[in-house]
Amino acid sequence: SSDVLVWLLGATSAWMLAGILDQPGNGA
């Protein structure tokens, strides 16, 4: 795969997972 695609996957996943963790009771 392209490095850029891997970086985009990492960035979008990081944003989504941080949002999930921020929710009450989810582990922040």
PDB file of all heavy atoms in Angstrom:
ATOM      1  N   SER A   1       0.834  -1.200   0.000  1.00  0.00           N
ATOM      2  CA  SER A   1       0.000   0.000   0.000  1.00  0.00           C
ATOM      3  C   SER A   1       0.869   1.251   0.000  1.00  0.00           C
ATOM      4  O   SER A   1       2.077   1.205   0.272  1.00  0.00           O
ATOM      5  CB  SER A   1      -0.904  -0.004   1.228  1.00  0.00           C
ATOM      6  OG  SER A   1      -1.689   1.162   1.290  1.00  0.00           O
ATOM      7  N   SER A   2       0.261   2.375  -0.275  1.00  0.00           N
ATOM      8  CA  SER A   2       0.949   3.659  -0.212  1.00  0.00           C
ATOM      9  C   SER A   2       1.149   4.072   1.245  1.00  0.00           C
ATOM     10  O   SER A   2       0.272   3.859   2.085  1.00  0.00           O
ATOM     11  CB  SER A   2       0.129   4.725  -0.943  1.00  0.00           C
ATOM     12  OG  SER A   2       0.554   6.022  -0.620  1.00  0.00           O
ATOM     13  N   ASP A   3       2.303   4.656   1.537  1.00  0.00           N
ATOM     14  CA  ASP A   3       2.561   5.155   2.890  1.00  0.00           C
ATOM     15  C   ASP A   3       1.495   6.169   3.298  1.00  0.00           C
ATOM     16  O   ASP A   3       1.064   6.196   4.457  1.00  0.00           O
ATOM     17  CB  ASP A   3       3.939   5.808   2.967  1.00  0.00           C
ATOM     18  CG  ASP A   3       5.063   4.791   2.956  1.00  0.00           C
ATOM     19  OD1 ASP A   3       4.793   3.604   3.217  1.00  0.00           O
ATOM     20  OD2 ASP A   3       6.214   5.188   2.688  1.00  0.00           O
ATOM     21  N   VAL A   4       1.075   6.995   2.352  1.00  0.00           N
ATOM     22  CA  VAL A   4       0.081   8.024   2.649  1.00  0.00           C
ATOM     23  C   VAL A   4      -1.230   7.388   3.114  1.00  0.00           C
ATOM     24  O   VAL A   4      -1.873   7.885   4.050  1.00  0.00           O
ATOM     25  CB  VAL A   4      -0.154   8.925   1.431  1.00  0.00           C
ATOM     26  CG1 VAL A   4      -1.273   9.917   1.698  1.00  0.00           C
ATOM     27  CG2 VAL A   4       1.128   9.674   1.062  1.00  0.00           C
ATOM     28  N   LEU A   5      -1.620   6.275   2.488  1.00  0.00           N
ATOM     29  CA  LEU A   5      -2.847   5.600   2.894  1.00  0.00           C
ATOM     30  C   LEU A   5      -2.730   5.039   4.311  1.00  0.00           C
ATOM     31  O   LEU A   5      -3.682   5.100   5.092  1.00  0.00           O
ATOM     32  CB  LEU A   5      -3.180   4.472   1.913  1.00  0.00           C
ATOM     33  CG  LEU A   5      -3.639   4.905   0.510  1.00  0.00           C
ATOM     34  CD1 LEU A   5      -3.887   3.681  -0.360  1.00  0.00           C
ATOM     35  CD2 LEU A   5      -4.886   5.768   0.597  1.00  0.00           C
ATOM     36  N   VAL A   6      -1.564   4.510   4.647  1.00  0.00           N
ATOM     37  CA  VAL A   6      -1.338   3.998   6.006  1.00  0.00           C
ATOM     38  C   VAL A   6      -1.402   5.146   7.007  1.00  0.00           C
ATOM     39  O   VAL A   6      -2.004   5.014   8.081  1.00  0.00           O
ATOM     40  CB  VAL A   6       0.012   3.259   6.098  1.00  0.00           C
ATOM     41  CG1 VAL A   6       0.296   2.834   7.544  1.00  0.00           C
ATOM     42  CG2 VAL A   6       0.020   2.040   5.197  1.00  0.00           C
ATOM     43  N   TRP A   7      -0.804   6.283   6.656  1.00  0.00           N
ATOM     44  CA  TRP A   7      -0.841   7.439   7.556  1.00  0.00           C
ATOM     45  C   TRP A   7      -2.270   7.953   7.719  1.00  0.00           C
ATOM     46  O   TRP A   7      -2.673   8.318   8.829  1.00  0.00           O
ATOM     47  CB  TRP A   7       0.049   8.555   7.017  1.00  0.00           C
ATOM     48  CG  TRP A   7       1.489   8.170   6.893  1.00  0.00           C
ATOM     49  CD1 TRP A   7       2.134   7.142   7.542  1.00  0.00           C
ATOM     50  CD2 TRP A   7       2.467   8.775   6.046  1.00  0.00           C
ATOM     51  NE1 TRP A   7       3.438   7.078   7.158  1.00  0.00           N
ATOM     52  CE2 TRP A   7       3.680   8.068   6.236  1.00  0.00           C
ATOM     53  CE3 TRP A   7       2.444   9.838   5.146  1.00  0.00           C
ATOM     54  CZ2 TRP A   7       4.862   8.400   5.562  1.00  0.00           C
ATOM     55  CZ3 TRP A   7       3.606  10.170   4.465  1.00  0.00           C
ATOM     56  CH2 TRP A   7       4.797   9.468   4.677  1.00  0.00           C
ATOM     57  N   LEU A   8      -3.041   7.982   6.643  1.00  0.00           N
ATOM     58  CA  LEU A   8      -4.440   8.415   6.737  1.00  0.00           C
ATOM     59  C   LEU A   8      -5.248   7.458   7.610  1.00  0.00           C
ATOM     60  O   LEU A   8      -6.093   7.894   8.406  1.00  0.00           O
ATOM     61  CB  LEU A   8      -5.058   8.501   5.336  1.00  0.00           C
ATOM     62  CG  LEU A   8      -4.620   9.689   4.471  1.00  0.00           C
ATOM     63  CD1 LEU A   8      -5.198   9.560   3.059  1.00  0.00           C
ATOM     64  CD2 LEU A   8      -5.050  11.010   5.103  1.00  0.00           C
ATOM     65  N   LEU A   9      -4.986   6.164   7.464  1.00  0.00           N
ATOM     66  CA  LEU A   9      -5.671   5.186   8.308  1.00  0.00           C
ATOM     67  C   LEU A   9      -5.314   5.409   9.771  1.00  0.00           C
ATOM     68  O   LEU A   9      -6.191   5.384  10.654  1.00  0.00           O
ATOM     69  CB  LEU A   9      -5.285   3.767   7.886  1.00  0.00           C
ATOM     70  CG  LEU A   9      -5.861   2.624   8.729  1.00  0.00           C
ATOM     71  CD1 LEU A   9      -7.380   2.650   8.707  1.00  0.00           C
ATOM     72  CD2 LEU A   9      -5.330   1.283   8.235  1.00  0.00           C
ATOM     73  N   GLY A  10      -4.033   5.664  10.046  1.00  0.00           N
ATOM     74  CA  GLY A  10      -3.609   5.927  11.414  1.00  0.00           C
ATOM     75  C   GLY A  10      -4.227   7.191  11.971  1.00  0.00           C
ATOM     76  O   GLY A  10      -4.673   7.220  13.122  1.00  0.00           O
ATOM     77  N   ALA A  11      -4.293   8.232  11.159  1.00  0.00           N
ATOM     78  CA  ALA A  11      -4.831   9.515  11.624  1.00  0.00           C
ATOM     79  C   ALA A  11      -6.332   9.431  11.885  1.00  0.00           C
ATOM     80  O   ALA A  11      -6.817   9.893  12.928  1.00  0.00           O
ATOM     81  CB  ALA A  11      -4.539  10.604  10.588  1.00  0.00           C
ATOM     82  N   THR A  12      -7.080   8.837  10.953  1.00  0.00           N
ATOM     83  CA  THR A  12      -8.529   8.737  11.150  1.00  0.00           C
ATOM     84  C   THR A  12      -8.868   7.811  12.314  1.00  0.00           C
ATOM     85  O   THR A  12      -9.784   8.090  13.096  1.00  0.00           O
ATOM     86  CB  THR A  12      -9.216   8.240   9.868  1.00  0.00           C
ATOM     87  OG1 THR A  12      -8.614   7.007   9.444  1.00  0.00           O
ATOM     88  CG2 THR A  12      -9.089   9.267   8.756  1.00  0.00           C
ATOM     89  N   SER A  13      -8.117   6.716  12.442  1.00  0.00           N
ATOM     90  CA  SER A  13      -8.355   5.794  13.554  1.00  0.00           C
ATOM     91  C   SER A  13      -8.042   6.460  14.888  1.00  0.00           C
ATOM     92  O   SER A  13      -8.777   6.290  15.874  1.00  0.00           O
ATOM     93  CB  SER A  13      -7.511   4.531  13.390  1.00  0.00           C
ATOM     94  OG  SER A  13      -7.829   3.848  12.199  1.00  0.00           O
ATOM     95  N   ALA A  14      -6.956   7.236  14.926  1.00  0.00           N
ATOM     96  CA  ALA A  14      -6.596   7.946  16.155  1.00  0.00           C
ATOM     97  C   ALA A  14      -7.691   8.921  16.554  1.00  0.00           C
ATOM     98  O   ALA A  14      -8.072   9.013  17.729  1.00  0.00           O
ATOM     99  CB  ALA A  14      -5.269   8.685  15.956  1.00  0.00           C
ATOM    100  N   TRP A  15      -8.231   9.665  15.580  1.00  0.00           N
ATOM    101  CA  TRP A  15      -9.283  10.638  15.860  1.00  0.00           C
ATOM    102  C   TRP A  15     -10.537   9.949  16.390  1.00  0.00           C
ATOM    103  O   TRP A  15     -11.140  10.390  17.373  1.00  0.00           O
ATOM    104  CB  TRP A  15      -9.597  11.419  14.595  1.00  0.00           C
ATOM    105  CG  TRP A  15     -10.535  12.573  14.831  1.00  0.00           C
ATOM    106  CD1 TRP A  15     -11.905  12.551  14.789  1.00  0.00           C
ATOM    107  CD2 TRP A  15     -10.165  13.915  15.155  1.00  0.00           C
ATOM    108  NE1 TRP A  15     -12.411  13.797  15.065  1.00  0.00           N
ATOM    109  CE2 TRP A  15     -11.367  14.649  15.295  1.00  0.00           C
ATOM    110  CE3 TRP A  15      -8.947  14.558  15.332  1.00  0.00           C
ATOM    111  CZ2 TRP A  15     -11.372  16.004  15.602  1.00  0.00           C
ATOM    112  CZ3 TRP A  15      -8.946  15.909  15.630  1.00  0.00           C
ATOM    113  CH2 TRP A  15     -10.150  16.620  15.771  1.00  0.00           C
ATOM    114  N   MET A  16     -10.924   8.847  15.761  1.00  0.00           N
ATOM    115  CA  MET A  16     -12.127   8.135  16.170  1.00  0.00           C
ATOM    116  C   MET A  16     -11.965   7.499  17.551  1.00  0.00           C
ATOM    117  O   MET A  16     -12.856   7.597  18.404  1.00  0.00           O
ATOM    118  CB  MET A  16     -12.467   7.058  15.141  1.00  0.00           C
ATOM    119  CG  MET A  16     -12.905   7.614  13.789  1.00  0.00           C
ATOM    120  SD  MET A  16     -13.049   6.325  12.519  1.00  0.00           S
ATOM    121  CE  MET A  16     -14.285   5.270  13.280  1.00  0.00           C
ATOM    122  N   LEU A  17     -10.825   6.860  17.784  1.00  0.00           N
ATOM    123  CA  LEU A  17     -10.618   6.188  19.065  1.00  0.00           C
ATOM    124  C   LEU A  17     -10.499   7.191  20.210  1.00  0.00           C
ATOM    125  O   LEU A  17     -10.984   6.940  21.322  1.00  0.00           O
ATOM    126  CB  LEU A  17      -9.373   5.304  18.997  1.00  0.00           C
ATOM    127  CG  LEU A  17      -9.512   4.064  18.112  1.00  0.00           C
ATOM    128  CD1 LEU A  17      -8.168   3.372  17.937  1.00  0.00           C
ATOM    129  CD2 LEU A  17     -10.531   3.097  18.699  1.00  0.00           C
ATOM    130  N   ALA A  18      -9.875   8.338  19.952  1.00  0.00           N
ATOM    131  CA  ALA A  18      -9.803   9.372  20.991  1.00  0.00           C
ATOM    132  C   ALA A  18     -11.194   9.875  21.342  1.00  0.00           C
ATOM    133  O   ALA A  18     -11.505  10.120  22.515  1.00  0.00           O
ATOM    134  CB  ALA A  18      -8.914  10.525  20.525  1.00  0.00           C
ATOM    135  N   GLY A  19     -12.042  10.017  20.325  1.00  0.00           N
ATOM    136  CA  GLY A  19     -13.413  10.444  20.578  1.00  0.00           C
ATOM    137  C   GLY A  19     -14.180   9.426  21.410  1.00  0.00           C
ATOM    138  O   GLY A  19     -14.964   9.796  22.300  1.00  0.00           O
ATOM    139  N   ILE A  20     -13.962   8.153  21.139  1.00  0.00           N
ATOM    140  CA  ILE A  20     -14.627   7.096  21.917  1.00  0.00           C
ATOM    141  C   ILE A  20     -14.123   7.096  23.356  1.00  0.00           C
ATOM    142  O   ILE A  20     -14.912   7.012  24.307  1.00  0.00           O
ATOM    143  CB  ILE A  20     -14.392   5.722  21.255  1.00  0.00           C
ATOM    144  CG1 ILE A  20     -15.101   5.657  19.906  1.00  0.00           C
ATOM    145  CG2 ILE A  20     -14.874   4.599  22.166  1.00  0.00           C
ATOM    146  CD1 ILE A  20     -14.768   4.429  19.084  1.00  0.00           C
ATOM    147  N   LEU A  21     -12.821   7.212  23.538  1.00  0.00           N
ATOM    148  CA  LEU A  21     -12.251   7.207  24.889  1.00  0.00           C
ATOM    149  C   LEU A  21     -12.725   8.403  25.706  1.00  0.00           C
ATOM    150  O   LEU A  21     -12.853   8.313  26.934  1.00  0.00           O
ATOM    151  CB  LEU A  21     -10.721   7.211  24.818  1.00  0.00           C
ATOM    152  CG  LEU A  21     -10.054   5.903  24.405  1.00  0.00           C
ATOM    153  CD1 LEU A  21      -8.576   6.140  24.111  1.00  0.00           C
ATOM    154  CD2 LEU A  21     -10.196   4.842  25.493  1.00  0.00           C
ATOM    155  N   ASP A  22     -12.977   9.517  25.035  1.00  0.00           N
ATOM    156  CA  ASP A  22     -13.402  10.729  25.738  1.00  0.00           C
ATOM    157  C   ASP A  22     -14.800  10.620  26.334  1.00  0.00           C
ATOM    158  O   ASP A  22     -15.161  11.378  27.238  1.00  0.00           O
ATOM    159  CB  ASP A  22     -13.371  11.935  24.779  1.00  0.00           C
ATOM    160  CG  ASP A  22     -11.966  12.491  24.602  1.00  0.00           C
ATOM    161  OD1 ASP A  22     -11.106  12.217  25.469  1.00  0.00           O
ATOM    162  OD2 ASP A  22     -11.729  13.182  23.593  1.00  0.00           O
ATOM    163  N   GLN A  23     -15.595   9.695  25.841  1.00  0.00           N
ATOM    164  CA  GLN A  23     -16.958   9.560  26.345  1.00  0.00           C
ATOM    165  C   GLN A  23     -16.948   9.004  27.766  1.00  0.00           C
ATOM    166  O   GLN A  23     -16.102   8.170  28.112  1.00  0.00           O
ATOM    167  CB  GLN A  23     -17.763   8.654  25.417  1.00  0.00           C
ATOM    168  CG  GLN A  23     -17.956   9.220  24.027  1.00  0.00           C
ATOM    169  CD  GLN A  23     -18.644   8.240  23.094  1.00  0.00           C
ATOM    170  OE1 GLN A  23     -19.242   7.264  23.543  1.00  0.00           O
ATOM    171  NE2 GLN A  23     -18.572   8.500  21.791  1.00  0.00           N
ATOM    172  N   PRO A  24     -17.841   9.475  28.628  1.00  0.00           N
ATOM    173  CA  PRO A  24     -17.869   9.045  30.035  1.00  0.00           C
ATOM    174  C   PRO A  24     -17.918   7.520  30.176  1.00  0.00           C
ATOM    175  O   PRO A  24     -18.695   6.855  29.496  1.00  0.00           O
ATOM    176  CB  PRO A  24     -19.150   9.692  30.578  1.00  0.00           C
ATOM    177  CG  PRO A  24     -19.369  10.874  29.695  1.00  0.00           C
ATOM    178  CD  PRO A  24     -18.901  10.456  28.330  1.00  0.00           C
ATOM    179  N   GLY A  25     -17.040   7.006  31.027  1.00  0.00           N
ATOM    180  CA  GLY A  25     -17.016   5.581  31.292  1.00  0.00           C
ATOM    181  C   GLY A  25     -16.236   4.750  30.302  1.00  0.00           C
ATOM    182  O   GLY A  25     -16.110   3.532  30.471  1.00  0.00           O
ATOM    183  N   ASN A  26     -15.684   5.392  29.264  1.00  0.00           N
ATOM    184  CA  ASN A  26     -14.976   4.633  28.229  1.00  0.00           C
ATOM    185  C   ASN A  26     -13.477   4.542  28.445  1.00  0.00           C
ATOM    186  O   ASN A  26     -12.772   3.940  27.639  1.00  0.00           O
ATOM    187  CB  ASN A  26     -15.255   5.227  26.849  1.00  0.00           C
ATOM    188  CG  ASN A  26     -16.543   4.685  26.264  1.00  0.00           C
ATOM    189  OD1 ASN A  26     -17.233   3.894  26.895  1.00  0.00           O
ATOM    190  ND2 ASN A  26     -16.875   5.113  25.058  1.00  0.00           N
ATOM    191  N   GLY A  27     -12.947   5.175  29.497  1.00  0.00           N
ATOM    192  CA  GLY A  27     -11.567   4.877  29.850  1.00  0.00           C
ATOM    193  C   GLY A  27     -10.540   5.979  29.789  1.00  0.00           C
ATOM    194  O   GLY A  27      -9.366   5.733  30.024  1.00  0.00           O
ATOM    195  N   ALA A  28     -10.939   7.231  29.491  1.00  0.00           N
ATOM    196  CA  ALA A  28      -9.943   8.304  29.490  1.00  0.00           C
ATOM    197  C   ALA A  28      -9.270   8.419  30.854  1.00  0.00           C
ATOM    198  O   ALA A  28      -8.071   8.715  30.960  1.00  0.00           O
ATOM    199  CB  ALA A  28     -10.592   9.633  29.110  1.00  0.00           C
TER     200      ALA A  28
END
